[in-house]
């Protein structure tokens, strides 16, 4: 069973649809036991970092997410959900994140269009099960104005170039993050979701 955390933020139905297309059972839930006992738990997210953290706190999700992370069972953040796994963000001022992985979320400083919205090539940096079967021309779909910096290079699985090196996939033990939207990334996204399911 795949548990998707319901805290009032995120394009959750698309995530559900992505896994269901692969034949996986999913549940949208706020229940502590379901979040802790699922084969895979997903933290989705669309919108502002500080607003999402406020909703996690209001829904009593912070301690549950940290307990899930400490259990050693897979926890995956998508888009803003990935950003929330890190120490802090400078979106709308300085805001603390969940602090599960070292790193800081910062705004793009570029002459390119922001938000970074559209398809970009995903470049693997290591031989990891998360990127198994991807071609060298694999493209994924991004929608974001902030990206990860000051992270442990060993956590980087794949990145994209958008004037700067944008971490696209990160992994720290049982914690996985995808800055792009795998559920909106066509066949490549479905392959990535298959890869995630294969490691649980």
Protein backbone atom coordinates (compact mmCIF):
# COMPACT_ATOMS: atom_id res chain seq x y z
CA UNK A 1 0.00 0.00 0.00
CA UNK A 2 1.17 3.52 -0.85
CA UNK A 3 0.07 6.23 1.58
CA UNK A 4 -0.13 9.80 0.32
CA UNK A 5 -0.15 12.31 3.17
CA UNK A 6 -3.26 14.49 3.12
CA UNK A 7 -2.53 17.87 4.69
CA UNK A 8 -4.44 20.19 2.37
CA UNK A 9 -1.59 21.00 -0.03
CA UNK A 10 -0.67 19.55 -3.37
CA UNK A 11 -1.81 18.27 -6.71
CA UNK A 12 -2.59 14.99 -5.02
CA UNK A 13 -4.97 13.44 -7.55
CA UNK A 14 -2.29 13.40 -10.24
CA UNK A 15 0.04 11.49 -7.90
CA UNK A 16 -2.71 8.99 -7.12
CA UNK A 17 -3.45 8.57 -10.83
CA UNK A 18 0.23 7.99 -11.62
CA UNK A 19 0.55 5.08 -9.22
CA UNK A 20 -2.86 3.67 -10.11
CA UNK A 21 -1.85 3.55 -13.79
CA UNK A 22 0.89 1.19 -12.67
CA UNK A 23 -1.60 -0.94 -10.76
CA UNK A 24 -0.51 0.10 -7.27
CA UNK A 25 -2.92 0.50 -4.37
CA UNK A 26 -2.90 4.02 -2.93
CA UNK A 27 -4.63 5.75 -0.07
CA UNK A 28 -4.94 9.46 0.72
CA UNK A 29 -4.69 9.71 4.48
CA UNK A 30 -4.05 11.69 7.65
CA UNK A 31 -4.05 8.55 9.77
CA UNK A 32 -0.83 8.04 11.75
CA UNK A 33 -0.92 4.25 11.58
CA UNK A 34 -1.52 4.20 7.83
CA UNK A 35 1.33 6.67 7.25
CA UNK A 36 3.72 4.67 9.40
CA UNK A 37 2.80 1.19 8.15
CA UNK A 38 2.50 1.82 4.40
CA UNK A 39 5.03 0.22 2.08
CA UNK A 40 5.76 3.71 0.74
CA UNK A 41 4.66 7.07 2.12
CA UNK A 42 4.55 10.14 -0.13
CA UNK A 43 4.70 13.78 0.93
CA UNK A 44 3.24 15.81 -1.96
CA UNK A 45 3.19 19.57 -2.22
CA UNK A 46 2.42 22.52 -4.47
CA UNK A 47 2.60 26.14 -3.35
CA UNK A 48 4.65 28.10 -0.84
CA UNK A 49 7.10 26.45 1.58
CA UNK A 50 6.04 28.39 4.69
CA UNK A 51 2.32 27.79 4.06
CA UNK A 52 2.94 24.07 3.61
CA UNK A 53 4.92 23.84 6.86
CA UNK A 54 2.12 25.67 8.65
CA UNK A 55 -0.38 23.14 7.33
CA UNK A 56 1.81 20.22 8.37
CA UNK A 57 1.96 21.66 11.87
CA UNK A 58 -1.78 22.39 11.97
CA UNK A 59 -2.56 18.83 10.88
CA UNK A 60 -0.16 17.31 13.45
CA UNK A 61 1.89 15.75 10.67
CA UNK A 62 5.43 16.86 11.58
CA UNK A 63 6.08 14.27 14.29
CA UNK A 64 4.43 11.53 12.23
CA UNK A 65 6.63 12.30 9.21
CA UNK A 66 9.75 12.34 11.38
CA UNK A 67 8.72 9.02 12.93
CA UNK A 68 8.23 7.54 9.47
CA UNK A 69 11.66 8.80 8.40
CA UNK A 70 13.31 7.32 11.50
CA UNK A 71 11.64 3.95 10.91
CA UNK A 72 13.82 3.21 7.90
CA UNK A 73 10.80 2.69 5.66
CA UNK A 74 10.66 4.67 2.38
CA UNK A 75 9.42 8.25 2.49
CA UNK A 76 9.27 10.23 -0.76
CA UNK A 77 8.75 13.96 -1.26
CA UNK A 78 7.54 15.32 -4.61
CA UNK A 79 8.15 18.93 -5.75
CA UNK A 80 7.47 21.11 -2.68
CA UNK A 81 7.24 17.87 -0.71
CA UNK A 82 10.89 17.22 -1.54
CA UNK A 83 11.87 20.72 -0.43
CA UNK A 84 10.13 20.25 2.92
CA UNK A 85 12.44 17.32 3.74
CA UNK A 86 15.40 19.71 4.02
CA UNK A 87 16.62 22.08 6.74
CA UNK A 88 15.19 25.39 5.58
CA UNK A 89 13.93 27.57 2.74
CA UNK A 90 14.35 31.23 1.83
CA UNK A 91 10.92 31.43 0.21
CA UNK A 92 9.03 34.36 1.78
CA UNK A 93 11.87 34.85 4.26
CA UNK A 94 13.70 32.21 6.27
CA UNK A 95 11.59 29.19 7.19
CA UNK A 96 12.62 25.96 8.88
CA UNK A 97 11.81 22.70 7.15
CA UNK A 98 11.53 19.17 8.51
CA UNK A 99 15.32 18.89 8.81
CA UNK A 100 15.45 15.27 7.68
CA UNK A 101 18.18 15.87 5.07
CA UNK A 102 20.92 18.49 5.04
CA UNK A 103 20.27 21.30 2.54
CA UNK A 104 18.70 24.68 1.94
CA UNK A 105 16.08 25.79 -0.58
CA UNK A 106 17.00 29.04 -2.35
CA UNK A 107 15.50 31.19 -5.13
CA UNK A 108 16.78 31.11 -8.69
CA UNK A 109 19.13 33.98 -9.51
CA UNK A 110 19.03 33.84 -13.28
CA UNK A 111 18.02 35.73 -16.40
CA UNK A 112 16.06 32.68 -17.49
CA UNK A 113 12.32 32.59 -16.95
CA UNK A 114 11.19 31.95 -13.37
CA UNK A 115 9.22 29.90 -12.42
CA UNK A 116 11.28 27.18 -14.03
CA UNK A 117 8.40 25.55 -15.87
CA UNK A 118 8.69 22.87 -18.51
CA UNK A 119 10.64 19.86 -19.68
CA UNK A 120 14.33 19.44 -18.88
CA UNK A 121 16.83 16.66 -19.39
CA UNK A 122 17.48 14.55 -16.30
CA UNK A 123 21.15 13.65 -15.88
CA UNK A 124 22.04 10.76 -13.56
CA UNK A 125 25.08 11.20 -11.31
CA UNK A 126 25.27 7.68 -9.90
CA UNK A 127 24.20 4.13 -10.58
CA UNK A 128 21.08 4.06 -8.45
CA UNK A 129 17.95 1.92 -8.64
CA UNK A 130 15.88 5.11 -8.85
CA UNK A 131 17.19 5.87 -12.35
CA UNK A 132 17.28 2.33 -13.69
CA UNK A 133 16.16 2.04 -17.29
CA UNK A 134 16.28 5.76 -18.09
CA UNK A 135 17.78 6.86 -21.37
CA UNK A 136 20.43 9.57 -21.59
CA UNK A 137 17.78 11.78 -23.20
CA UNK A 138 15.18 11.35 -20.45
CA UNK A 139 13.20 14.56 -19.84
CA UNK A 140 10.99 15.40 -16.86
CA UNK A 141 8.51 18.18 -16.10
CA UNK A 142 9.37 20.91 -13.59
CA UNK A 143 7.32 23.73 -12.05
CA UNK A 144 9.25 25.64 -9.36
CA UNK A 145 10.94 28.91 -8.45
CA UNK A 146 13.29 27.57 -5.76
CA UNK A 147 15.90 24.82 -5.79
CA UNK A 148 18.18 22.89 -3.45
CA UNK A 149 21.65 24.11 -2.47
CA UNK A 150 24.20 23.29 0.25
CA UNK A 151 23.41 19.59 0.13
CA UNK A 152 25.54 16.49 0.57
CA UNK A 153 26.76 15.57 -2.94
CA UNK A 154 26.42 11.88 -2.10
CA UNK A 155 22.64 12.40 -1.89
CA UNK A 156 22.40 13.61 -5.48
CA UNK A 157 21.04 10.94 -7.82
CA UNK A 158 20.17 13.10 -10.84
CA UNK A 159 20.00 16.76 -11.81
CA UNK A 160 18.91 19.13 -14.57
CA UNK A 161 20.57 22.28 -15.86
CA UNK A 162 18.65 25.55 -15.68
CA UNK A 163 21.48 28.09 -15.65
CA UNK A 164 22.44 26.35 -12.39
CA UNK A 165 22.65 22.70 -11.41
CA UNK A 166 19.17 21.82 -10.16
CA UNK A 167 18.95 18.65 -8.04
CA UNK A 168 16.15 16.62 -9.60
CA UNK A 169 16.38 13.38 -7.60
CA UNK A 170 17.94 13.02 -4.17
CA UNK A 171 18.23 10.03 -1.87
CA UNK A 172 19.44 9.76 1.69
CA UNK A 173 18.90 6.23 2.94
CA UNK A 174 15.15 5.62 2.98
CA UNK A 175 14.39 9.26 2.10
CA UNK A 176 13.74 10.10 -1.56
CA UNK A 177 13.01 13.43 -3.20
CA UNK A 178 11.98 14.42 -6.72
CA UNK A 179 11.89 18.14 -7.47
CA UNK A 180 10.01 17.62 -10.74
CA UNK A 181 6.61 15.99 -11.14
CA UNK A 182 7.00 12.31 -12.09
CA UNK A 183 3.22 12.02 -12.35
CA UNK A 184 3.29 14.65 -15.14
CA UNK A 185 6.42 13.36 -16.88
CA UNK A 186 4.91 10.81 -19.25
CA UNK A 187 6.65 7.49 -19.82
CA UNK A 188 9.80 8.68 -18.04
CA UNK A 189 7.78 9.58 -14.96
CA UNK A 190 6.05 6.20 -14.95
CA UNK A 191 9.44 4.49 -15.17
CA UNK A 192 10.64 6.53 -12.18
CA UNK A 193 7.56 5.61 -10.15
CA UNK A 194 8.12 1.96 -11.09
CA UNK A 195 11.71 2.29 -9.88
CA UNK A 196 10.56 3.77 -6.58
CA UNK A 197 8.10 0.94 -6.07
CA UNK A 198 10.82 -1.61 -6.86
CA UNK A 199 13.00 -0.54 -3.95
CA UNK A 200 10.40 -0.82 -1.20
